[in-house]
Amino acid sequence: PATASIRVRGQYTVDLANNNQTIKDLFLDAWGGNDNRQGATVATGTGTLTVTGSVQVKNPLVSSAIPVLTGNLALGAGQRLFEVDAIAETPNQAMLVVNAALRDGGIVKRGNGALFLGGTQYYAGDTDVQQGALLVGNGLQMLNSQVKLSAGTTLDLRSNTAAIGSLSGTGTVANSNLGNNYASGSLTIGLDNRDATF
């Protein structure tokens, strides 16, 4: 039901099997169950999961058991909270991977952990990074979204190429080298034709 919240524990997958579902909050566990291999997974196929509240990864335990969202995720025409905590030993590790196509709203990123966004994103709301880091997947397209970086936050290209609507705030844009000989990423901005100061 639309007012219910769902928690997906580590090593388990929720598969919508191409159907649509609306929920309030989605809680994902970052531990891999008995073998510590797989974090919580949500897959929609061609269906869409609509979240009207928040997506949260709280107190993750295992850095290799990363929660993953794939398919289609609608944000219910509002700014939705994505709260992602970090593991102290691996603070720069993404603790939520979103390879789903996001629509209908925007993101408020909180928590000291890192949120990974990949693919083509269709939402036009702001991506407001208030805490932690936003990691960019190769070829990320957020053509209609302004990314706002609060002080102390990071937009990290991770040697990837990305395009966003615009960029504002007082945070940091980084291009981390993940074991490559050099970091070759690039960021294209200004595609939403909005004024912004960074």
Protein backbone atom coordinates (compact mmCIF):
# COMPACT_ATOMS: atom_id res chain seq x y z
CA PRO A 1 0.00 0.00 0.00
CA ALA A 2 1.01 3.60 -0.68
CA THR A 3 1.40 4.43 3.02
CA ALA A 4 3.52 1.40 3.89
CA SER A 5 7.28 1.34 4.38
CA ILE A 6 9.45 -1.58 3.29
CA ARG A 7 12.74 -2.85 4.69
CA VAL A 8 14.86 -5.15 2.53
CA ARG A 9 17.47 -7.10 4.45
CA GLY A 10 20.89 -8.08 3.17
CA GLN A 11 21.11 -11.00 0.72
CA TYR A 12 17.44 -10.57 -0.28
CA THR A 13 15.90 -9.11 -3.45
CA VAL A 14 12.52 -7.50 -3.98
CA ASP A 15 11.52 -7.98 -7.62
CA LEU A 16 8.44 -6.13 -8.89
CA ALA A 17 8.39 -8.43 -11.94
CA ASN A 18 7.47 -5.54 -14.29
CA ASN A 19 4.63 -4.34 -12.05
CA ASN A 20 4.09 -0.93 -10.44
CA GLN A 21 4.05 -0.27 -6.69
CA THR A 22 3.84 2.83 -4.48
CA ILE A 23 5.33 2.95 -0.98
CA LYS A 24 6.30 5.60 1.54
CA ASP A 25 9.83 4.75 2.75
CA LEU A 26 12.39 2.22 1.53
CA PHE A 27 14.98 0.96 4.03
CA LEU A 28 17.90 -1.06 2.64
CA ASP A 29 20.38 -3.11 4.68
CA ALA A 30 24.09 -3.01 3.82
CA TRP A 31 25.07 -6.40 5.13
CA GLY A 32 25.20 -9.63 3.21
CA GLY A 33 23.37 -12.05 5.42
CA ASN A 34 25.20 -15.21 6.38
CA ASP A 35 27.90 -14.91 3.69
CA ASN A 36 28.18 -11.09 3.66
CA ARG A 37 28.16 -10.99 -0.14
CA GLN A 38 25.02 -9.20 -1.27
CA GLY A 39 23.32 -6.14 0.09
CA ALA A 40 19.62 -5.54 -0.25
CA THR A 41 18.42 -5.32 -3.87
CA VAL A 42 15.28 -3.85 -5.45
CA ALA A 43 14.59 -4.57 -9.12
CA THR A 44 11.52 -3.30 -10.99
CA GLY A 45 12.07 -4.62 -14.50
CA THR A 46 9.85 -2.51 -16.77
CA GLY A 47 7.64 -1.62 -13.82
CA THR A 48 8.04 1.42 -11.57
CA LEU A 49 8.49 1.77 -7.83
CA THR A 50 7.17 5.11 -6.55
CA VAL A 51 8.60 6.36 -3.24
CA THR A 52 6.72 9.21 -1.58
CA GLY A 53 8.96 9.44 1.51
CA SER A 54 12.62 8.45 1.66
CA VAL A 55 15.27 5.90 0.69
CA GLN A 56 17.63 5.07 3.54
CA VAL A 57 20.77 3.02 4.16
CA LYS A 58 21.42 3.36 7.88
CA ASN A 59 24.37 1.99 9.85
CA PRO A 60 25.87 -0.18 7.08
CA LEU A 61 27.96 -3.09 8.30
CA VAL A 62 29.75 -4.63 5.29
CA SER A 63 31.39 -2.49 2.60
CA SER A 64 31.12 -5.23 -0.02
CA ALA A 65 27.37 -5.72 0.53
CA ILE A 66 26.14 -2.61 -1.27
CA PRO A 67 22.39 -2.05 -1.68
CA VAL A 68 21.34 -1.68 -5.33
CA LEU A 69 18.27 -0.24 -7.08
CA THR A 70 17.61 -1.12 -10.73
CA GLY A 71 14.76 -0.45 -13.14
CA ASN A 72 12.53 2.61 -12.66
CA LEU A 73 12.13 4.73 -9.53
CA ALA A 74 9.57 7.56 -9.39
CA LEU A 75 9.96 10.23 -6.73
CA GLY A 76 6.31 11.19 -6.47
CA ALA A 77 6.68 14.80 -7.65
CA GLY A 78 8.62 15.90 -4.53
CA GLN A 79 12.13 16.29 -3.14
CA ARG A 80 12.86 12.84 -1.69
CA LEU A 81 15.38 12.17 1.04
CA PHE A 82 18.18 9.74 0.20
CA GLU A 83 20.00 9.17 3.49
CA VAL A 84 23.14 7.09 3.16
CA ASP A 85 25.54 6.40 6.03
CA ALA A 86 29.19 5.47 5.63
CA ILE A 87 31.36 2.70 7.04
CA ALA A 88 34.23 4.25 9.01
CA GLU A 89 36.89 1.99 7.45
CA THR A 90 35.80 2.80 3.85
CA PRO A 91 34.27 6.30 3.96
CA ASN A 92 34.48 6.83 0.18
CA GLN A 93 32.78 3.55 -0.75
CA ALA A 94 29.35 3.94 -2.34
CA MET A 95 26.83 2.48 0.10
CA LEU A 96 23.84 2.87 -2.24
CA VAL A 97 24.00 2.24 -5.99
CA VAL A 98 21.09 3.63 -8.03
CA ASN A 99 21.11 2.26 -11.55
CA ALA A 100 17.40 2.91 -11.83
CA ALA A 101 15.95 5.66 -14.01
CA LEU A 102 14.63 8.35 -11.65
CA ARG A 103 11.58 10.44 -12.52
CA ASP A 104 9.13 12.99 -11.12
CA GLY A 105 10.89 14.92 -8.38
CA GLY A 106 14.31 15.58 -6.93
CA ILE A 107 16.84 14.30 -4.41
CA VAL A 108 18.00 15.57 -1.03
CA LYS A 109 21.17 13.67 -0.14
CA ARG A 110 21.95 13.38 3.57
CA GLY A 111 24.14 11.11 5.66
CA ASN A 112 27.94 10.97 5.60
CA GLY A 113 28.05 8.12 3.09
CA ALA A 114 28.26 8.12 -0.71
CA LEU A 115 25.35 7.76 -3.16
CA PHE A 116 26.14 6.44 -6.64
CA LEU A 117 23.98 7.51 -9.59
CA GLY A 118 24.31 5.87 -12.99
CA GLY A 119 22.56 5.87 -16.34
CA THR A 120 20.18 8.49 -17.70
CA GLN A 121 18.08 10.37 -15.14
CA TYR A 122 14.87 12.07 -16.19
CA TYR A 123 13.88 14.04 -13.13
CA ALA A 124 13.92 17.86 -13.30
CA GLY A 125 14.07 18.61 -9.58
CA ASP A 126 17.23 19.68 -7.80
CA THR A 127 19.87 17.23 -6.59
CA ASP A 128 20.62 18.82 -3.23
CA VAL A 129 23.73 17.25 -1.67
CA GLN A 130 23.61 18.41 1.96
CA GLN A 131 25.95 15.77 3.42
CA GLY A 132 28.40 13.16 2.15
CA ALA A 133 29.17 12.53 -1.49
CA LEU A 134 27.47 11.98 -4.84
CA LEU A 135 29.38 9.56 -7.09
CA VAL A 136 28.96 9.66 -10.85
CA GLY A 137 28.55 6.66 -13.11
CA ASN A 138 30.12 6.73 -16.57
CA GLY A 139 27.84 8.50 -19.03
CA LEU A 140 25.51 9.83 -16.32
CA GLN A 141 22.93 12.19 -17.84
CA MET A 142 21.04 14.56 -15.52
CA LEU A 143 20.24 17.17 -18.13
CA ASN A 144 17.40 18.88 -16.25
CA SER A 145 18.69 18.81 -12.67
CA GLN A 146 20.73 21.42 -10.86
CA VAL A 147 23.26 19.83 -8.51
CA LYS A 148 23.66 21.83 -5.30
CA LEU A 149 26.75 21.09 -3.18
CA SER A 150 26.69 22.25 0.43
CA ALA A 151 29.96 23.04 2.19
CA GLY A 152 31.89 19.86 2.97
CA THR A 153 30.16 17.74 0.32
CA THR A 154 31.63 16.25 -2.85
CA LEU A 155 30.58 15.49 -6.40
CA ASP A 156 33.08 12.83 -7.49
CA LEU A 157 33.42 11.89 -11.17
CA ARG A 158 35.54 8.81 -10.40
CA SER A 159 37.28 9.17 -13.80
CA ASN A 160 33.90 9.08 -15.54
CA THR A 161 32.14 11.41 -17.98
CA ALA A 162 28.88 13.06 -16.95
CA ALA A 163 26.48 15.84 -17.96
CA ILE A 164 24.24 17.78 -15.57
CA GLY A 165 21.84 20.67 -15.86
CA SER A 166 23.81 23.12 -13.70
CA LEU A 167 26.03 23.28 -10.63
CA SER A 168 25.78 25.51 -7.57
CA GLY A 169 26.97 25.72 -3.98
CA THR A 170 30.24 25.66 -2.05
CA GLY A 171 31.19 21.98 -2.05
CA THR A 172 33.93 20.24 -4.02
CA VAL A 173 34.04 18.64 -7.47
CA ALA A 174 36.57 15.80 -7.45
CA ASN A 175 37.86 13.31 -9.99
CA SER A 176 39.18 10.43 -7.92
CA ASN A 177 41.63 7.97 -9.40
CA LEU A 178 40.39 4.45 -8.71
CA GLY A 179 43.55 2.55 -9.47
CA ASN A 180 43.89 3.84 -13.04
CA ASN A 181 47.14 5.38 -14.19
CA TYR A 182 45.37 8.71 -14.54
CA ALA A 183 41.96 10.25 -13.92
CA SER A 184 40.37 11.25 -17.22
CA GLY A 185 36.81 12.20 -16.28
CA SER A 186 34.92 15.23 -17.54
CA LEU A 187 31.81 17.12 -16.43
CA THR A 188 29.52 19.09 -18.76
CA ILE A 189 27.25 21.67 -17.12
CA GLY A 190 24.78 24.34 -18.18
CA LEU A 191 22.35 22.10 -20.03
CA ASP A 192 19.24 23.35 -18.16
CA ASN A 193 19.87 27.03 -19.06
CA ARG A 194 19.56 28.11 -15.43
CA ASP A 195 21.71 30.67 -13.68
CA ALA A 196 23.89 29.08 -11.01
CA THR A 197 26.88 30.09 -8.88
CA PHE A 198 29.53 27.65 -7.80
